[in-house]
C-alpha atoms as a PDB file:
ATOM      1  CA  MET A   1     -37.289  49.236  30.058  1.00  0.00           C
ATOM      2  CA  THR A   2     -36.618  46.625  26.985  1.00  0.00           C
ATOM      3  CA  ASN A   3     -39.702  44.973  25.202  1.00  0.00           C
ATOM      4  CA  LEU A   4     -39.093  41.861  26.935  1.00  0.00           C
ATOM      5  CA  THR A   5     -39.029  43.347  30.503  1.00  0.00           C
ATOM      6  CA  ALA A   6     -42.116  45.390  29.491  1.00  0.00           C
ATOM      7  CA  LEU A   7     -43.870  42.204  28.201  1.00  0.00           C
ATOM      8  CA  PHE A   8     -43.082  40.146  31.411  1.00  0.00           C
ATOM      9  CA  PHE A   9     -43.508  43.002  33.958  1.00  0.00           C
ATOM     10  CA  PRO A  10     -47.502  42.652  34.586  1.00  0.00           C
ATOM     11  CA  VAL A  11     -46.993  38.981  34.901  1.00  0.00           C
ATOM     12  CA  ILE A  12     -44.385  39.154  37.480  1.00  0.00           C
ATOM     13  CA  CYS A  13     -46.390  42.250  39.462  1.00  0.00           C
ATOM     14  CA  ARG A  14     -49.408  39.594  39.373  1.00  0.00           C
ATOM     15  CA  MET A  15     -47.386  36.965  40.662  1.00  0.00           C
ATOM     16  CA  ALA A  16     -46.199  38.865  43.815  1.00  0.00           C
ATOM     17  CA  ALA A  17     -49.862  39.321  44.736  1.00  0.00           C
ATOM     18  CA  ILE A  18     -50.832  35.712  44.628  1.00  0.00           C
ATOM     19  CA  ASN A  19     -51.025  34.048  48.157  1.00  0.00           C
ATOM     20  CA  ALA A  20     -48.311  31.180  48.954  1.00  0.00           C
ATOM     21  CA  GLU A  21     -50.763  27.964  48.666  1.00  0.00           C
ATOM     22  CA  THR A  22     -51.748  29.281  44.863  1.00  0.00           C
ATOM     23  CA  ARG A  23     -47.914  29.801  44.276  1.00  0.00           C
ATOM     24  CA  GLU A  24     -47.378  26.296  45.589  1.00  0.00           C
ATOM     25  CA  ARG A  25     -49.906  24.974  43.344  1.00  0.00           C
ATOM     26  CA  LEU A  26     -48.846  26.422  40.340  1.00  0.00           C
ATOM     27  CA  PHE A  27     -45.259  25.157  41.209  1.00  0.00           C
ATOM     28  CA  VAL A  28     -46.255  21.766  41.610  1.00  0.00           C
ATOM     29  CA  LEU A  29     -48.299  22.124  38.013  1.00  0.00           C
ATOM     30  CA  TRP A  30     -45.093  23.453  36.551  1.00  0.00           C
ATOM     31  CA  LEU A  31     -42.995  20.587  37.873  1.00  0.00           C
ATOM     32  CA  VAL A  32     -45.409  18.078  36.570  1.00  0.00           C
ATOM     33  CA  LEU A  33     -45.898  19.645  33.215  1.00  0.00           C
ATOM     34  CA  SER A  34     -41.844  19.976  32.954  1.00  0.00           C
ATOM     35  CA  ALA A  35     -41.483  16.043  34.081  1.00  0.00           C
ATOM     36  CA  PHE A  36     -44.319  15.325  31.327  1.00  0.00           C
ATOM     37  CA  GLY A  37     -41.896  17.196  28.641  1.00  0.00           C
ATOM     38  CA  ILE A  38     -38.914  15.498  29.630  1.00  0.00           C
ATOM     39  CA  MET A  39     -40.244  12.162  29.531  1.00  0.00           C
ATOM     40  CA  PHE A  40     -41.843  13.020  26.270  1.00  0.00           C
ATOM     41  CA  ALA A  41     -38.739  14.118  24.827  1.00  0.00           C
ATOM     42  CA  VAL A  42     -36.853  10.903  26.299  1.00  0.00           C
ATOM     43  CA  LEU A  43     -39.578   8.587  24.811  1.00  0.00           C
ATOM     44  CA  SER A  44     -39.092  10.592  21.532  1.00  0.00           C
ATOM     45  CA  TRP A  45     -35.488   9.572  21.791  1.00  0.00           C
ATOM     46  CA  ALA A  46     -36.103   5.982  22.386  1.00  0.00           C
ATOM     47  CA  GLN A  47     -38.354   6.086  19.223  1.00  0.00           C
ATOM     48  CA  GLU A  48     -35.528   7.605  17.170  1.00  0.00           C
ATOM     49  CA  ALA A  49     -33.077   4.945  18.260  1.00  0.00           C
ATOM     50  CA  GLU A  50     -35.671   2.189  17.655  1.00  0.00           C
ATOM     51  CA  LEU A  51     -36.164   1.081  21.154  1.00  0.00           C
ATOM     52  CA  LEU A  52     -39.668   1.710  20.897  1.00  0.00           C
ATOM     53  CA  PRO A  53     -42.509   1.315  18.051  1.00  0.00           C
ATOM     54  CA  SER A  54     -42.766   4.602  15.584  1.00  0.00           C
ATOM     55  CA  SER A  55     -45.417   7.350  16.529  1.00  0.00           C
ATOM     56  CA  SER A  56     -47.752   5.491  13.856  1.00  0.00           C
ATOM     57  CA  GLU A  57     -47.654   2.391  15.568  1.00  0.00           C
ATOM     58  CA  MET A  58     -48.006   3.569  19.003  1.00  0.00           C
ATOM     59  CA  GLY A  59     -50.668   6.240  18.536  1.00  0.00           C
ATOM     60  CA  ALA A  60     -51.636   8.140  21.852  1.00  0.00           C
ATOM     61  CA  MET A  61     -49.831   5.426  23.781  1.00  0.00           C
ATOM     62  CA  LYS A  62     -46.734   7.772  23.834  1.00  0.00           C
ATOM     63  CA  GLY A  63     -48.546  10.685  25.594  1.00  0.00           C
ATOM     64  CA  ALA A  64     -50.292   8.210  28.180  1.00  0.00           C
ATOM     65  CA  LEU A  65     -46.504   6.573  28.693  1.00  0.00           C
ATOM     66  CA  ALA A  66     -44.960  10.310  29.030  1.00  0.00           C
ATOM     67  CA  LEU A  67     -47.878  11.249  31.614  1.00  0.00           C
ATOM     68  CA  LEU A  68     -47.330   8.027  33.648  1.00  0.00           C
ATOM     69  CA  SER A  69     -43.802   8.211  33.471  1.00  0.00           C
ATOM     70  CA  GLY A  70     -43.599  11.938  34.045  1.00  0.00           C
ATOM     71  CA  LEU A  71     -45.750  11.645  37.291  1.00  0.00           C
ATOM     72  CA  ALA A  72     -43.187   8.717  38.453  1.00  0.00           C
ATOM     73  CA  LEU A  73     -40.139  11.136  37.820  1.00  0.00           C
ATOM     74  CA  TYR A  74     -42.148  14.077  39.567  1.00  0.00           C
ATOM     75  CA  GLY A  75     -42.580  11.744  42.481  1.00  0.00           C
ATOM     76  CA  LEU A  76     -39.180  10.140  42.704  1.00  0.00           C
ATOM     77  CA  VAL A  77     -37.353  13.682  42.240  1.00  0.00           C
ATOM     78  CA  ALA A  78     -39.270  17.024  42.271  1.00  0.00           C
ATOM     79  CA  HIS A  79     -41.563  16.186  45.108  1.00  0.00           C
ATOM     80  CA  ASN A  80     -38.535  15.136  47.380  1.00  0.00           C
ATOM     81  CA  MET A  81     -36.054  18.116  46.252  1.00  0.00           C
ATOM     82  CA  VAL A  82     -35.194  20.726  49.114  1.00  0.00           C
ATOM     83  CA  GLY A  83     -37.267  23.865  48.145  1.00  0.00           C
ATOM     84  CA  GLY A  84     -39.796  21.893  46.399  1.00  0.00           C
ATOM     85  CA  PRO A  85     -43.361  21.494  47.014  1.00  0.00           C
ATOM     86  CA  GLY A  86     -44.068  20.825  50.823  1.00  0.00           C
ATOM     87  CA  ASP A  87     -40.765  21.498  52.162  1.00  0.00           C
ATOM     88  CA  ASN A  88     -41.110  23.787  54.963  1.00  0.00           C
END
């Protein structure tokens, strides 16, 4: 067993014991956090391209915009995908 496998094996075993509803909620959380990260990266690119004001001017507004646009991204893409949350 490699070091990486040994590190993640207990986590994988615990994930197998989680019921379907909890697993679905964790999947939704993962997708929302991923959408936030994607949109934060897009906003960072827009700042580098000088399409948006710098971080010092925007402050925490960049995080709020990333959260709102990430939720929109989740609602438009991830929530409706085949095999995604709520797919029966």
